[in-house]
Structures are given as structure tokens and as C-alpha cells.
Amino acid sequence: MDRRMFASLGALTATGAFRALAQGSPIRFIYPYAPGSGGDALVRVLADQIGRELNETVLVENRTGADGRIGVRDVKAAPADGRTMLFTPFGSMVLFPSVYASLPYDPFKDFAPVSQVVAYDFGLAAGPMFPGKTLADLAAWLTADPSRANFGMPGSGAMPHFLPLKFGAIAGVDITAIAFKGSVPALTEAMAGHLPLVCAPLSDLIEQHKAGTIRLLASSGRERSLFTPDVPTFLEQGYDIVASGWYGIFAPVGSPAAILDRISSIVVRAIRSEAGKSLALKFGFAPTGTSAAELGAIQKADFERWAPVVKASGFRGD
């Protein structure tokens, strides 16, 4: 990744809060999934930009395990000093309260929103095991031999878990979910012909789709994604399935507001810049860059929207 990508944004003068912390430990962004995905690449570029503007060391750490809950839990337990941030897809902060009865954190009480960075759609893709091209072909293929009805996903209890299950419910096929530690290992199994299907954020599937190693069967937006105009939506193919996600930054509740505001302003300017937009689009994301208050409102609305869906699915992560 070109470390000069955001150089044109310029540097800001450090606030008193950051000057007071200048001799402290590095600022850390915890990403609770494996490296290699578009989200992981994006947070590394943002961390690099934040470090340059603040003249601070900013590190990104992958804390995998428990479908992302370990990394989120570790951020909750970190000192509320503005030096530990969580960069996470929306599932851990929106879906998990409905999925896990014993969630080791409360997304609304234990964290302060900082900024939503990007939004994205999801995709359902097939590897070489599946010979068809459409969801109708898939439904017929799975009905003919239900033992084939398996799919990989980057962790359980997130949107890539529920989308194929909803497809299966509509198609009348019981589908088995297999969780991996991130999109990359799930994709690897599908491309190798060990799994017929994989569901993941669309951004994690685009390059392999273009290369022909997988075939995207459907995207989850209301309209076709500008990244994959050749791929029809679930809706187009007669399946009432629509979903979108996002990546956001959170901090332990009680973290200094001046520091969070400063990081938020850098992130917003970075992702809304021409270079930031280009970077987000490169990974299949729609750049947003919201205020902390806007992220909090989005988080609440999405929780209220998806809680009934998760409950109806009958899935419990515990």
C-alpha cells in the first residue's frame, strides 16, 4: 500500500490532549478478524494516515477468535485513554447482542462511537463444485442432493451467516453454515473445491470473481452494486433478501472526547478525500465518513432492524 496515498491531506497541529500523551504507548487499532480482507487493508491505511497527522506510532493488531468477540472484548477492557480503538464490521456491534445471550460486552454501554468509515453489500459466491450460474440453478442443485448444502463464512452470527440461511429457507433447503476465521480461509476452501459456496462482504469476493476462481451468484443490495454490475441481486432473482453492512471505529466508553473527536475528524477527511474515495472503491466499499453521533444513530437503527430477523432465524451463538 502506498504510504503517501493521503499525503496531500497535510498534517494538523497536535492538540493539548495528544501532546500530553506523546510519550505514551502506541495508539492501537484492534481488528477482530484475520488479516487479508478489504477491511483489514483499509484500517491499515487509515492507521498510517492518523499516525502521520498526529506524529504518533499507530499499530493495527488482528485479535481473532470467538467470531470477533475476543477482539471486541479486549478493546472494552483496555484503558479508556484514547489509545485503543476498535475497527470492526457492524455485526459485532449490531447483530451479536441478538445472537449471544452471554456476550462479554455491551455494544451500546461499553463503547463510544467514533466514525462510520464505509458501507458495503454482501455476496453469495460459488466455487468450482457448483456447475450452475443462478440462484434458481443453485436451489435445484441443492434440492437434488441436500448433502451439498454447505457454505463457508467469515465467522458465525454475522450477516454472511444469516443471508444464506434466509436463502435456504425461501428455497426450501436446509443449509449448513461452516465458520472460518475470516473471509480468506473460507474463500480458499471454496476455490479449492472443498465447499460449494461462500458468503462474505462483497469487497472480499470481487477480485476472485473477476479472476474467475469463484462466481458471484447474487449481491445483497436493493440495486446491483456498481462494483459488480454483471451480478444480479437477490431481489432480481425473486428472493426477498436485502442487507448492507458497514465498518466503524469505536473506543472504550469514557475515552477523552478531544482525542476521539480528533481521530474522527482525520478519518472523515481522509475517507472523503479523492484519494480516500479511490481507496475505498478499490476494496469494494462505499465511503461514508460520519460523525460519532451519526454512527451512534446508525448503530441503534440497525440493531432495531435486525434483532427480529435474528430471532426469527432461531440461531443462538452460545
C-alpha atoms as a PDB file:
ATOM      1  CA  MET A   1       0.000   0.000   0.000  1.00  0.00           C
ATOM      2  CA  ASP A   2       1.344   3.430  -0.956  1.00  0.00           C
ATOM      3  CA  ARG A   3       2.081   5.196   2.317  1.00  0.00           C
ATOM      4  CA  ARG A   4       1.915   8.547   0.511  1.00  0.00           C
ATOM      5  CA  MET A   5      -1.665   7.995  -0.619  1.00  0.00           C
ATOM      6  CA  PHE A   6      -3.080  10.552   1.814  1.00  0.00           C
ATOM      7  CA  ALA A   7      -0.035  12.838   1.977  1.00  0.00           C
ATOM      8  CA  SER A   8      -1.863  15.636   0.204  1.00  0.00           C
ATOM      9  CA  LEU A   9      -4.203  15.991   3.158  1.00  0.00           C
ATOM     10  CA  GLY A  10      -1.470  17.730   5.167  1.00  0.00           C
ATOM     11  CA  ALA A  11      -0.687  17.488   8.879  1.00  0.00           C
ATOM     12  CA  LEU A  12      -2.664  19.012  11.758  1.00  0.00           C
ATOM     13  CA  THR A  13      -1.190  20.718  14.797  1.00  0.00           C
ATOM     14  CA  ALA A  14      -1.364  18.352  17.790  1.00  0.00           C
ATOM     15  CA  THR A  15      -3.919  19.156  20.456  1.00  0.00           C
ATOM     16  CA  GLY A  16      -3.006  19.503  24.099  1.00  0.00           C
ATOM     17  CA  ALA A  17      -4.542  16.103  24.760  1.00  0.00           C
ATOM     18  CA  PHE A  18      -2.230  14.413  22.294  1.00  0.00           C
ATOM     19  CA  ARG A  19       0.817  16.370  23.456  1.00  0.00           C
ATOM     20  CA  ALA A  20       0.159  15.106  26.965  1.00  0.00           C
ATOM     21  CA  LEU A  21       0.090  11.537  25.668  1.00  0.00           C
ATOM     22  CA  ALA A  22       3.014  11.862  23.290  1.00  0.00           C
ATOM     23  CA  GLN A  23       5.308   9.749  25.438  1.00  0.00           C
ATOM     24  CA  GLY A  24       2.738   7.013  25.975  1.00  0.00           C
ATOM     25  CA  SER A  25       2.375   3.640  24.303  1.00  0.00           C
ATOM     26  CA  PRO A  26       1.423   3.427  20.609  1.00  0.00           C
ATOM     27  CA  ILE A  27      -2.148   4.022  19.557  1.00  0.00           C
ATOM     28  CA  ARG A  28      -3.629   0.644  18.654  1.00  0.00           C
ATOM     29  CA  PHE A  29      -6.434  -0.240  16.278  1.00  0.00           C
ATOM     30  CA  ILE A  30      -7.800  -3.691  17.045  1.00  0.00           C
ATOM     31  CA  TYR A  31      -9.288  -5.514  14.055  1.00  0.00           C
ATOM     32  CA  PRO A  32     -11.050  -8.616  15.432  1.00  0.00           C
ATOM     33  CA  TYR A  33     -10.626 -10.777  12.344  1.00  0.00           C
ATOM     34  CA  ALA A  34      -7.807 -12.309  10.331  1.00  0.00           C
ATOM     35  CA  PRO A  35      -5.593 -10.250   8.004  1.00  0.00           C
ATOM     36  CA  GLY A  36      -6.074 -10.275   4.257  1.00  0.00           C
ATOM     37  CA  SER A  37      -9.566  -8.816   3.826  1.00  0.00           C
ATOM     38  CA  GLY A  38     -10.534  -5.426   2.421  1.00  0.00           C
ATOM     39  CA  GLY A  39     -11.440  -4.174   5.893  1.00  0.00           C
ATOM     40  CA  ASP A  40      -8.038  -5.166   7.232  1.00  0.00           C
ATOM     41  CA  ALA A  41      -6.282  -3.358   4.384  1.00  0.00           C
ATOM     42  CA  LEU A  42      -8.415  -0.235   4.859  1.00  0.00           C
ATOM     43  CA  VAL A  43      -7.753   0.130   8.582  1.00  0.00           C
ATOM     44  CA  ARG A  44      -4.019  -0.185   7.982  1.00  0.00           C
ATOM     45  CA  VAL A  45      -4.039   2.728   5.553  1.00  0.00           C
ATOM     46  CA  LEU A  46      -6.195   4.815   7.905  1.00  0.00           C
ATOM     47  CA  ALA A  47      -3.903   3.999  10.835  1.00  0.00           C
ATOM     48  CA  ASP A  48      -0.927   5.081   8.753  1.00  0.00           C
ATOM     49  CA  GLN A  49      -2.617   8.408   7.972  1.00  0.00           C
ATOM     50  CA  ILE A  50      -3.584   9.009  11.607  1.00  0.00           C
ATOM     51  CA  GLY A  51      -0.031   8.290  12.702  1.00  0.00           C
ATOM     52  CA  ARG A  52       1.410  10.809  10.242  1.00  0.00           C
ATOM     53  CA  GLU A  53      -1.021  13.572  11.155  1.00  0.00           C
ATOM     54  CA  LEU A  54      -0.574  13.080  14.901  1.00  0.00           C
ATOM     55  CA  ASN A  55       3.143  12.290  14.724  1.00  0.00           C
ATOM     56  CA  GLU A  56       2.328   9.156  16.704  1.00  0.00           C
ATOM     57  CA  THR A  57       3.003   5.460  16.297  1.00  0.00           C
ATOM     58  CA  VAL A  58      -0.260   3.790  15.315  1.00  0.00           C
ATOM     59  CA  LEU A  59      -0.408  -0.010  15.102  1.00  0.00           C
ATOM     60  CA  VAL A  60      -3.036  -2.408  13.786  1.00  0.00           C
ATOM     61  CA  GLU A  61      -3.466  -5.690  15.647  1.00  0.00           C
ATOM     62  CA  ASN A  62      -5.511  -8.673  14.474  1.00  0.00           C
ATOM     63  CA  ARG A  63      -7.189 -10.213  17.515  1.00  0.00           C
ATOM     64  CA  THR A  64      -9.017 -13.226  16.117  1.00  0.00           C
ATOM     65  CA  GLY A  65     -11.164 -15.750  17.917  1.00  0.00           C
ATOM     66  CA  ALA A  66     -14.744 -16.348  19.038  1.00  0.00           C
ATOM     67  CA  ASP A  67     -16.072 -14.908  15.774  1.00  0.00           C
ATOM     68  CA  GLY A  68     -14.654 -11.485  16.542  1.00  0.00           C
ATOM     69  CA  ARG A  69     -15.799 -11.279  20.152  1.00  0.00           C
ATOM     70  CA  ILE A  70     -12.302 -11.634  21.622  1.00  0.00           C
ATOM     71  CA  GLY A  71     -11.010  -8.541  19.864  1.00  0.00           C
ATOM     72  CA  VAL A  72     -14.051  -6.500  20.845  1.00  0.00           C
ATOM     73  CA  ARG A  73     -13.825  -7.714  24.433  1.00  0.00           C
ATOM     74  CA  ASP A  74     -10.149  -6.733  24.579  1.00  0.00           C
ATOM     75  CA  VAL A  75     -10.963  -3.191  23.481  1.00  0.00           C
ATOM     76  CA  LYS A  76     -13.669  -2.960  26.140  1.00  0.00           C
ATOM     77  CA  ALA A  77     -11.076  -3.986  28.769  1.00  0.00           C
ATOM     78  CA  ALA A  78      -8.451  -1.523  27.531  1.00  0.00           C
ATOM     79  CA  PRO A  79      -7.789   1.726  29.421  1.00  0.00           C
ATOM     80  CA  ALA A  80     -10.160   4.498  28.340  1.00  0.00           C
ATOM     81  CA  ASP A  81      -7.272   6.801  27.485  1.00  0.00           C
ATOM     82  CA  GLY A  82      -7.874   7.234  23.762  1.00  0.00           C
ATOM     83  CA  ARG A  83      -5.015   4.958  22.752  1.00  0.00           C
ATOM     84  CA  THR A  84      -7.011   1.819  21.919  1.00  0.00           C
ATOM     85  CA  MET A  85      -9.581   1.810  19.119  1.00  0.00           C
ATOM     86  CA  LEU A  86     -11.807  -0.864  17.639  1.00  0.00           C
ATOM     87  CA  PHE A  87     -12.217  -1.095  13.862  1.00  0.00           C
ATOM     88  CA  THR A  88     -14.978  -3.577  13.203  1.00  0.00           C
ATOM     89  CA  PRO A  89     -17.696  -4.612  10.796  1.00  0.00           C
ATOM     90  CA  PHE A  90     -21.179  -3.846  12.007  1.00  0.00           C
ATOM     91  CA  GLY A  91     -22.126  -7.370  13.076  1.00  0.00           C
ATOM     92  CA  SER A  92     -20.253  -7.280  16.375  1.00  0.00           C
ATOM     93  CA  MET A  93     -21.972  -4.020  17.333  1.00  0.00           C
ATOM     94  CA  VAL A  94     -25.428  -4.666  15.841  1.00  0.00           C
ATOM     95  CA  LEU A  95     -26.154  -8.394  15.429  1.00  0.00           C
ATOM     96  CA  PHE A  96     -24.246 -10.026  18.259  1.00  0.00           C
ATOM     97  CA  PRO A  97     -26.496  -8.733  21.085  1.00  0.00           C
ATOM     98  CA  SER A  98     -29.285 -10.783  19.484  1.00  0.00           C
ATOM     99  CA  VAL A  99     -27.047 -13.749  18.689  1.00  0.00           C
ATOM    100  CA  TYR A 100     -25.281 -14.310  22.023  1.00  0.00           C
ATOM    101  CA  ALA A 101     -27.014 -14.481  25.386  1.00  0.00           C
ATOM    102  CA  SER A 102     -23.675 -14.173  27.205  1.00  0.00           C
ATOM    103  CA  LEU A 103     -21.947 -11.536  25.075  1.00  0.00           C
ATOM    104  CA  PRO A 104     -18.889 -10.308  27.044  1.00  0.00           C
ATOM    105  CA  TYR A 105     -19.597  -6.672  26.203  1.00  0.00           C
ATOM    106  CA  ASP A 106     -22.496  -4.310  25.612  1.00  0.00           C
ATOM    107  CA  PRO A 107     -22.075  -2.510  22.283  1.00  0.00           C
ATOM    108  CA  PHE A 108     -24.093   0.455  23.492  1.00  0.00           C
ATOM    109  CA  LYS A 109     -22.867   0.823  27.089  1.00  0.00           C
ATOM    110  CA  ASP A 110     -19.208  -0.187  26.785  1.00  0.00           C
ATOM    111  CA  PHE A 111     -18.204   1.753  23.664  1.00  0.00           C
ATOM    112  CA  ALA A 112     -18.166   5.285  22.353  1.00  0.00           C
ATOM    113  CA  PRO A 113     -18.827   5.656  18.615  1.00  0.00           C
ATOM    114  CA  VAL A 114     -16.114   7.494  16.683  1.00  0.00           C
ATOM    115  CA  SER A 115     -16.988   7.283  12.972  1.00  0.00           C
ATOM    116  CA  GLN A 116     -18.576   5.049  10.391  1.00  0.00           C
ATOM    117  CA  VAL A 117     -15.947   4.743   7.655  1.00  0.00           C
ATOM    118  CA  VAL A 118     -17.514   2.813   4.781  1.00  0.00           C
ATOM    119  CA  ALA A 119     -20.632   0.854   3.858  1.00  0.00           C
ATOM    120  CA  TYR A 120     -20.851  -2.291   1.745  1.00  0.00           C
ATOM    121  CA  ASP A 121     -23.011  -5.079   0.346  1.00  0.00           C
ATOM    122  CA  PHE A 122     -22.623  -8.836   0.723  1.00  0.00           C
ATOM    123  CA  GLY A 123     -22.291 -11.544  -1.871  1.00  0.00           C
ATOM    124  CA  LEU A 124     -23.071 -15.231  -2.241  1.00  0.00           C
ATOM    125  CA  ALA A 125     -20.486 -16.962  -4.435  1.00  0.00           C
ATOM    126  CA  ALA A 126     -19.877 -20.459  -5.744  1.00  0.00           C
ATOM    127  CA  GLY A 127     -16.660 -22.347  -6.249  1.00  0.00           C
ATOM    128  CA  PRO A 128     -15.978 -24.987  -8.918  1.00  0.00           C
ATOM    129  CA  MET A 129     -18.142 -27.580  -7.140  1.00  0.00           C
ATOM    130  CA  PHE A 130     -21.324 -25.851  -8.340  1.00  0.00           C
ATOM    131  CA  PRO A 131     -21.860 -26.012 -12.125  1.00  0.00           C
ATOM    132  CA  GLY A 132     -24.757 -23.533 -12.386  1.00  0.00           C
ATOM    133  CA  LYS A 133     -24.956 -19.762 -12.724  1.00  0.00           C
ATOM    134  CA  THR A 134     -28.120 -18.533 -10.985  1.00  0.00           C
ATOM    135  CA  LEU A 135     -29.877 -18.843  -7.649  1.00  0.00           C
ATOM    136  CA  ALA A 136     -32.568 -20.923  -9.359  1.00  0.00           C
ATOM    137  CA  ASP A 137     -29.840 -23.296 -10.562  1.00  0.00           C
ATOM    138  CA  LEU A 138     -28.460 -23.397  -7.034  1.00  0.00           C
ATOM    139  CA  ALA A 139     -31.819 -24.167  -5.431  1.00  0.00           C
ATOM    140  CA  ALA A 140     -32.381 -27.048  -7.861  1.00  0.00           C
ATOM    141  CA  TRP A 141     -28.833 -28.372  -7.382  1.00  0.00           C
ATOM    142  CA  LEU A 142     -29.132 -28.358  -3.587  1.00  0.00           C
ATOM    143  CA  THR A 143     -32.605 -29.901  -3.667  1.00  0.00           C
ATOM    144  CA  ALA A 144     -31.318 -32.751  -5.833  1.00  0.00           C
ATOM    145  CA  ASP A 145     -28.611 -33.579  -3.285  1.00  0.00           C
ATOM    146  CA  PRO A 146     -29.020 -31.892   0.135  1.00  0.00           C
ATOM    147  CA  SER A 147     -25.594 -33.182   1.241  1.00  0.00           C
ATOM    148  CA  ARG A 148     -24.106 -30.425  -0.927  1.00  0.00           C
ATOM    149  CA  ALA A 149     -25.855 -27.698   1.058  1.00  0.00           C
ATOM    150  CA  ASN A 150     -22.856 -26.217   2.874  1.00  0.00           C
ATOM    151  CA  PHE A 151     -21.332 -22.764   2.798  1.00  0.00           C
ATOM    152  CA  GLY A 152     -18.317 -21.054   4.319  1.00  0.00           C
ATOM    153  CA  MET A 153     -18.432 -17.699   6.038  1.00  0.00           C
ATOM    154  CA  PRO A 154     -16.054 -15.389   7.941  1.00  0.00           C
ATOM    155  CA  GLY A 155     -17.265 -16.167  11.467  1.00  0.00           C
ATOM    156  CA  SER A 156     -20.709 -17.136  12.723  1.00  0.00           C
ATOM    157  CA  GLY A 157     -23.524 -14.895  13.882  1.00  0.00           C
ATOM    158  CA  ALA A 158     -22.816 -12.108  11.369  1.00  0.00           C
ATOM    159  CA  MET A 159     -24.675 -11.162   8.202  1.00  0.00           C
ATOM    160  CA  PRO A 160     -22.832 -13.678   5.956  1.00  0.00           C
ATOM    161  CA  HIS A 161     -24.280 -16.310   8.296  1.00  0.00           C
ATOM    162  CA  PHE A 162     -27.900 -15.211   8.001  1.00  0.00           C
ATOM    163  CA  LEU A 163     -28.102 -14.401   4.283  1.00  0.00           C
ATOM    164  CA  PRO A 164     -27.592 -17.994   3.016  1.00  0.00           C
ATOM    165  CA  LEU A 165     -29.850 -19.360   5.758  1.00  0.00           C
ATOM    166  CA  LYS A 166     -32.591 -16.997   4.633  1.00  0.00           C
ATOM    167  CA  PHE A 167     -31.997 -18.048   1.029  1.00  0.00           C
ATOM    168  CA  GLY A 168     -32.274 -21.683   2.100  1.00  0.00           C
ATOM    169  CA  ALA A 169     -35.492 -21.010   3.997  1.00  0.00           C
ATOM    170  CA  ILE A 170     -37.052 -19.359   0.947  1.00  0.00           C
ATOM    171  CA  ALA A 171     -35.770 -22.091  -1.393  1.00  0.00           C
ATOM    172  CA  GLY A 172     -36.893 -24.858   0.944  1.00  0.00           C
ATOM    173  CA  VAL A 173     -33.393 -26.242   1.519  1.00  0.00           C
ATOM    174  CA  ASP A 174     -31.631 -26.769   4.837  1.00  0.00           C
ATOM    175  CA  ILE A 175     -28.175 -25.199   4.511  1.00  0.00           C
ATOM    176  CA  THR A 176     -25.290 -25.849   6.900  1.00  0.00           C
ATOM    177  CA  ALA A 177     -23.040 -22.958   7.875  1.00  0.00           C
ATOM    178  CA  ILE A 178     -19.295 -23.508   8.384  1.00  0.00           C
ATOM    179  CA  ALA A 179     -17.435 -20.719  10.158  1.00  0.00           C
ATOM    180  CA  PHE A 180     -13.856 -19.682   9.361  1.00  0.00           C
ATOM    181  CA  LYS A 181     -11.555 -17.100  10.900  1.00  0.00           C
ATOM    182  CA  GLY A 182     -12.034 -14.526   8.186  1.00  0.00           C
ATOM    183  CA  SER A 183     -13.034 -14.428   4.537  1.00  0.00           C
ATOM    184  CA  VAL A 184      -9.701 -15.596   3.144  1.00  0.00           C
ATOM    185  CA  PRO A 185      -9.733 -19.156   4.582  1.00  0.00           C
ATOM    186  CA  ALA A 186     -13.400 -19.578   3.607  1.00  0.00           C
ATOM    187  CA  LEU A 187     -12.591 -18.452   0.072  1.00  0.00           C
ATOM    188  CA  THR A 188      -9.605 -20.774  -0.063  1.00  0.00           C
ATOM    189  CA  GLU A 189     -11.784 -23.788   0.720  1.00  0.00           C
ATOM    190  CA  ALA A 190     -14.375 -22.785  -1.865  1.00  0.00           C
ATOM    191  CA  MET A 191     -11.800 -22.136  -4.597  1.00  0.00           C
ATOM    192  CA  ALA A 192     -10.159 -25.479  -3.848  1.00  0.00           C
ATOM    193  CA  GLY A 193     -13.458 -27.269  -4.401  1.00  0.00           C
ATOM    194  CA  HIS A 194     -13.905 -28.332  -0.788  1.00  0.00           C
ATOM    195  CA  LEU A 195     -17.032 -26.205  -0.296  1.00  0.00           C
ATOM    196  CA  PRO A 196     -19.650 -25.284  -2.886  1.00  0.00           C
ATOM    197  CA  LEU A 197     -20.482 -21.826  -1.530  1.00  0.00           C
ATOM    198  CA  VAL A 198     -19.086 -18.890   0.387  1.00  0.00           C
ATOM    199  CA  CYS A 199     -20.860 -15.806   1.697  1.00  0.00           C
ATOM    200  CA  ALA A 200     -18.864 -12.721   2.664  1.00  0.00           C
ATOM    201  CA  PRO A 201     -18.743  -8.958   2.234  1.00  0.00           C
ATOM    202  CA  LEU A 202     -18.843  -8.245  -1.490  1.00  0.00           C
ATOM    203  CA  SER A 203     -15.490  -6.469  -1.251  1.00  0.00           C
ATOM    204  CA  ASP A 204     -13.827  -9.730  -0.197  1.00  0.00           C
ATOM    205  CA  LEU A 205     -15.183 -11.562  -3.248  1.00  0.00           C
ATOM    206  CA  ILE A 206     -14.764  -9.116  -6.135  1.00  0.00           C
ATOM    207  CA  GLU A 207     -11.183  -9.888  -7.155  1.00  0.00           C
ATOM    208  CA  GLN A 208     -11.712 -13.643  -7.161  1.00  0.00           C
ATOM    209  CA  HIS A 209     -14.936 -13.183  -9.133  1.00  0.00           C
ATOM    210  CA  LYS A 210     -13.128 -11.099 -11.741  1.00  0.00           C
ATOM    211  CA  ALA A 211     -10.349 -13.679 -11.890  1.00  0.00           C
ATOM    212  CA  GLY A 212     -12.867 -16.458 -12.460  1.00  0.00           C
ATOM    213  CA  THR A 213     -11.847 -18.550  -9.455  1.00  0.00           C
ATOM    214  CA  ILE A 214     -15.324 -18.081  -7.961  1.00  0.00           C
ATOM    215  CA  ARG A 215     -18.673 -16.974  -9.424  1.00  0.00           C
ATOM    216  CA  LEU A 216     -20.789 -14.413  -7.663  1.00  0.00           C
ATOM    217  CA  LEU A 217     -24.391 -15.582  -7.795  1.00  0.00           C
ATOM    218  CA  ALA A 218     -26.058 -12.614  -6.082  1.00  0.00           C
ATOM    219  CA  SER A 219     -25.346  -9.350  -4.276  1.00  0.00           C
ATOM    220  CA  SER A 220     -27.393  -8.130  -1.333  1.00  0.00           C
ATOM    221  CA  GLY A 221     -28.232  -4.517  -2.196  1.00  0.00           C
ATOM    222  CA  ARG A 222     -31.560  -3.200  -3.416  1.00  0.00           C
ATOM    223  CA  GLU A 223     -29.853  -2.442  -6.709  1.00  0.00           C
ATOM    224  CA  ARG A 224     -26.868  -4.003  -8.429  1.00  0.00           C
ATOM    225  CA  SER A 225     -23.549  -2.970  -6.992  1.00  0.00           C
ATOM    226  CA  LEU A 226     -21.538  -0.541  -9.091  1.00  0.00           C
ATOM    227  CA  PHE A 227     -18.584  -2.850  -8.365  1.00  0.00           C
ATOM    228  CA  THR A 228     -20.266  -5.911  -9.901  1.00  0.00           C
ATOM    229  CA  PRO A 229     -22.828  -4.697 -12.449  1.00  0.00           C
ATOM    230  CA  ASP A 230     -22.818  -8.161 -14.015  1.00  0.00           C
ATOM    231  CA  VAL A 231     -24.131  -9.760 -10.818  1.00  0.00           C
ATOM    232  CA  PRO A 232     -27.901  -9.656 -10.171  1.00  0.00           C
ATOM    233  CA  THR A 233     -29.284  -9.002  -6.716  1.00  0.00           C
ATOM    234  CA  PHE A 234     -31.244 -11.487  -4.640  1.00  0.00           C
ATOM    235  CA  LEU A 235     -34.315  -9.334  -5.327  1.00  0.00           C
ATOM    236  CA  GLU A 236     -33.859  -9.533  -9.090  1.00  0.00           C
ATOM    237  CA  GLN A 237     -33.841 -13.310  -8.864  1.00  0.00           C
ATOM    238  CA  GLY A 238     -37.039 -13.477  -6.851  1.00  0.00           C
ATOM    239  CA  TYR A 239     -35.631 -13.722  -3.322  1.00  0.00           C
ATOM    240  CA  ASP A 240     -36.724 -11.080  -0.818  1.00  0.00           C
ATOM    241  CA  ILE A 241     -33.280 -10.598   0.706  1.00  0.00           C
ATOM    242  CA  VAL A 242     -31.672  -7.169   1.174  1.00  0.00           C
ATOM    243  CA  ALA A 243     -28.792  -6.366   3.514  1.00  0.00           C
ATOM    244  CA  SER A 244     -25.998  -3.834   3.871  1.00  0.00           C
ATOM    245  CA  GLY A 245     -23.162  -3.520   6.344  1.00  0.00           C
ATOM    246  CA  TRP A 246     -20.505  -1.072   7.409  1.00  0.00           C
ATOM    247  CA  TYR A 247     -17.155  -0.683   9.118  1.00  0.00           C
ATOM    248  CA  GLY A 248     -16.911   1.674  12.055  1.00  0.00           C
ATOM    249  CA  ILE A 249     -14.492   2.889  14.691  1.00  0.00           C
ATOM    250  CA  PHE A 250     -15.310   2.677  18.393  1.00  0.00           C
ATOM    251  CA  ALA A 251     -13.388   3.336  21.602  1.00  0.00           C
ATOM    252  CA  PRO A 252     -13.836   2.244  25.227  1.00  0.00           C
ATOM    253  CA  VAL A 253     -16.551   4.327  26.840  1.00  0.00           C
ATOM    254  CA  GLY A 254     -15.081   7.196  28.812  1.00  0.00           C
ATOM    255  CA  SER A 255     -12.212   7.809  26.401  1.00  0.00           C
ATOM    256  CA  PRO A 256     -11.295  11.528  26.184  1.00  0.00           C
ATOM    257  CA  ALA A 257     -13.714  13.272  23.850  1.00  0.00           C
ATOM    258  CA  ALA A 258     -10.989  15.559  22.482  1.00  0.00           C
ATOM    259  CA  ILE A 259      -8.959  12.586  21.284  1.00  0.00           C
ATOM    260  CA  LEU A 260     -11.936  10.778  19.766  1.00  0.00           C
ATOM    261  CA  ASP A 261     -13.061  13.946  18.009  1.00  0.00           C
ATOM    262  CA  ARG A 262      -9.590  14.439  16.612  1.00  0.00           C
ATOM    263  CA  ILE A 263      -9.342  10.891  15.283  1.00  0.00           C
ATOM    264  CA  SER A 264     -12.860  11.141  13.873  1.00  0.00           C
ATOM    265  CA  SER A 265     -12.045  14.347  12.012  1.00  0.00           C
ATOM    266  CA  ILE A 266      -8.911  12.815  10.470  1.00  0.00           C
ATOM    267  CA  VAL A 267     -10.785   9.689   9.393  1.00  0.00           C
ATOM    268  CA  VAL A 268     -13.678  11.672   7.911  1.00  0.00           C
ATOM    269  CA  ARG A 269     -11.396  13.953   5.906  1.00  0.00           C
ATOM    270  CA  ALA A 270      -9.280  11.004   4.783  1.00  0.00           C
ATOM    271  CA  ILE A 271     -12.103   8.786   3.559  1.00  0.00           C
ATOM    272  CA  ARG A 272     -13.914  11.709   1.884  1.00  0.00           C
ATOM    273  CA  SER A 273     -10.810  12.903   0.053  1.00  0.00           C
ATOM    274  CA  GLU A 274     -10.336  11.887  -3.568  1.00  0.00           C
ATOM    275  CA  ALA A 275      -7.551   9.531  -2.532  1.00  0.00           C
ATOM    276  CA  GLY A 276      -9.710   8.082   0.242  1.00  0.00           C
ATOM    277  CA  LYS A 277     -12.677   7.579  -2.069  1.00  0.00           C
ATOM    278  CA  SER A 278     -10.454   5.859  -4.610  1.00  0.00           C
ATOM    279  CA  LEU A 279      -9.052   3.582  -1.932  1.00  0.00           C
ATOM    280  CA  ALA A 280     -12.495   2.652  -0.583  1.00  0.00           C
ATOM    281  CA  LEU A 281     -13.800   1.955  -4.080  1.00  0.00           C
ATOM    282  CA  LYS A 282     -10.745  -0.182  -4.798  1.00  0.00           C
ATOM    283  CA  PHE A 283     -11.809  -2.532  -1.997  1.00  0.00           C
ATOM    284  CA  GLY A 284     -15.486  -2.515  -2.942  1.00  0.00           C
ATOM    285  CA  PHE A 285     -16.633  -0.093  -0.236  1.00  0.00           C
ATOM    286  CA  ALA A 286     -18.819   2.992  -0.464  1.00  0.00           C
ATOM    287  CA  PRO A 287     -17.027   5.757   1.513  1.00  0.00           C
ATOM    288  CA  THR A 288     -19.156   7.470   4.147  1.00  0.00           C
ATOM    289  CA  GLY A 289     -17.193   9.108   6.961  1.00  0.00           C
ATOM    290  CA  THR A 290     -19.781  10.036   9.572  1.00  0.00           C
ATOM    291  CA  SER A 291     -19.684  11.901  12.842  1.00  0.00           C
ATOM    292  CA  ALA A 292     -19.748   9.992  16.119  1.00  0.00           C
ATOM    293  CA  ALA A 293     -23.399  10.945  16.656  1.00  0.00           C
ATOM    294  CA  GLU A 294     -24.347   9.727  13.189  1.00  0.00           C
ATOM    295  CA  LEU A 295     -22.618   6.387  13.786  1.00  0.00           C
ATOM    296  CA  GLY A 296     -24.470   6.008  17.087  1.00  0.00           C
ATOM    297  CA  ALA A 297     -27.804   6.605  15.354  1.00  0.00           C
ATOM    298  CA  ILE A 298     -26.964   4.138  12.564  1.00  0.00           C
ATOM    299  CA  GLN A 299     -25.921   1.514  15.087  1.00  0.00           C
ATOM    300  CA  LYS A 300     -29.182   1.860  17.012  1.00  0.00           C
ATOM    301  CA  ALA A 301     -31.370   1.771  13.893  1.00  0.00           C
ATOM    302  CA  ASP A 302     -29.612  -1.291  12.500  1.00  0.00           C
ATOM    303  CA  PHE A 303     -29.912  -3.123  15.806  1.00  0.00           C
ATOM    304  CA  GLU A 304     -33.656  -2.474  15.896  1.00  0.00           C
ATOM    305  CA  ARG A 305     -33.991  -3.568  12.257  1.00  0.00           C
ATOM    306  CA  TRP A 306     -32.078  -6.852  12.514  1.00  0.00           C
ATOM    307  CA  ALA A 307     -32.918  -8.091  16.014  1.00  0.00           C
ATOM    308  CA  PRO A 308     -36.286  -9.526  14.885  1.00  0.00           C
ATOM    309  CA  VAL A 309     -34.606 -11.191  11.880  1.00  0.00           C
ATOM    310  CA  VAL A 310     -32.006 -12.919  14.033  1.00  0.00           C
ATOM    311  CA  LYS A 311     -34.668 -14.040  16.492  1.00  0.00           C
ATOM    312  CA  ALA A 312     -36.791 -15.463  13.696  1.00  0.00           C
ATOM    313  CA  SER A 313     -33.849 -17.493  12.417  1.00  0.00           C
ATOM    314  CA  GLY A 314     -33.676 -19.374  15.729  1.00  0.00           C
ATOM    315  CA  PHE A 315     -29.869 -19.196  15.800  1.00  0.00           C
ATOM    316  CA  ARG A 316     -28.097 -18.743  19.121  1.00  0.00           C
ATOM    317  CA  GLY A 317     -24.324 -18.420  19.098  1.00  0.00           C
ATOM    318  CA  ASP A 318     -23.990 -19.698  22.651  1.00  0.00           C
END
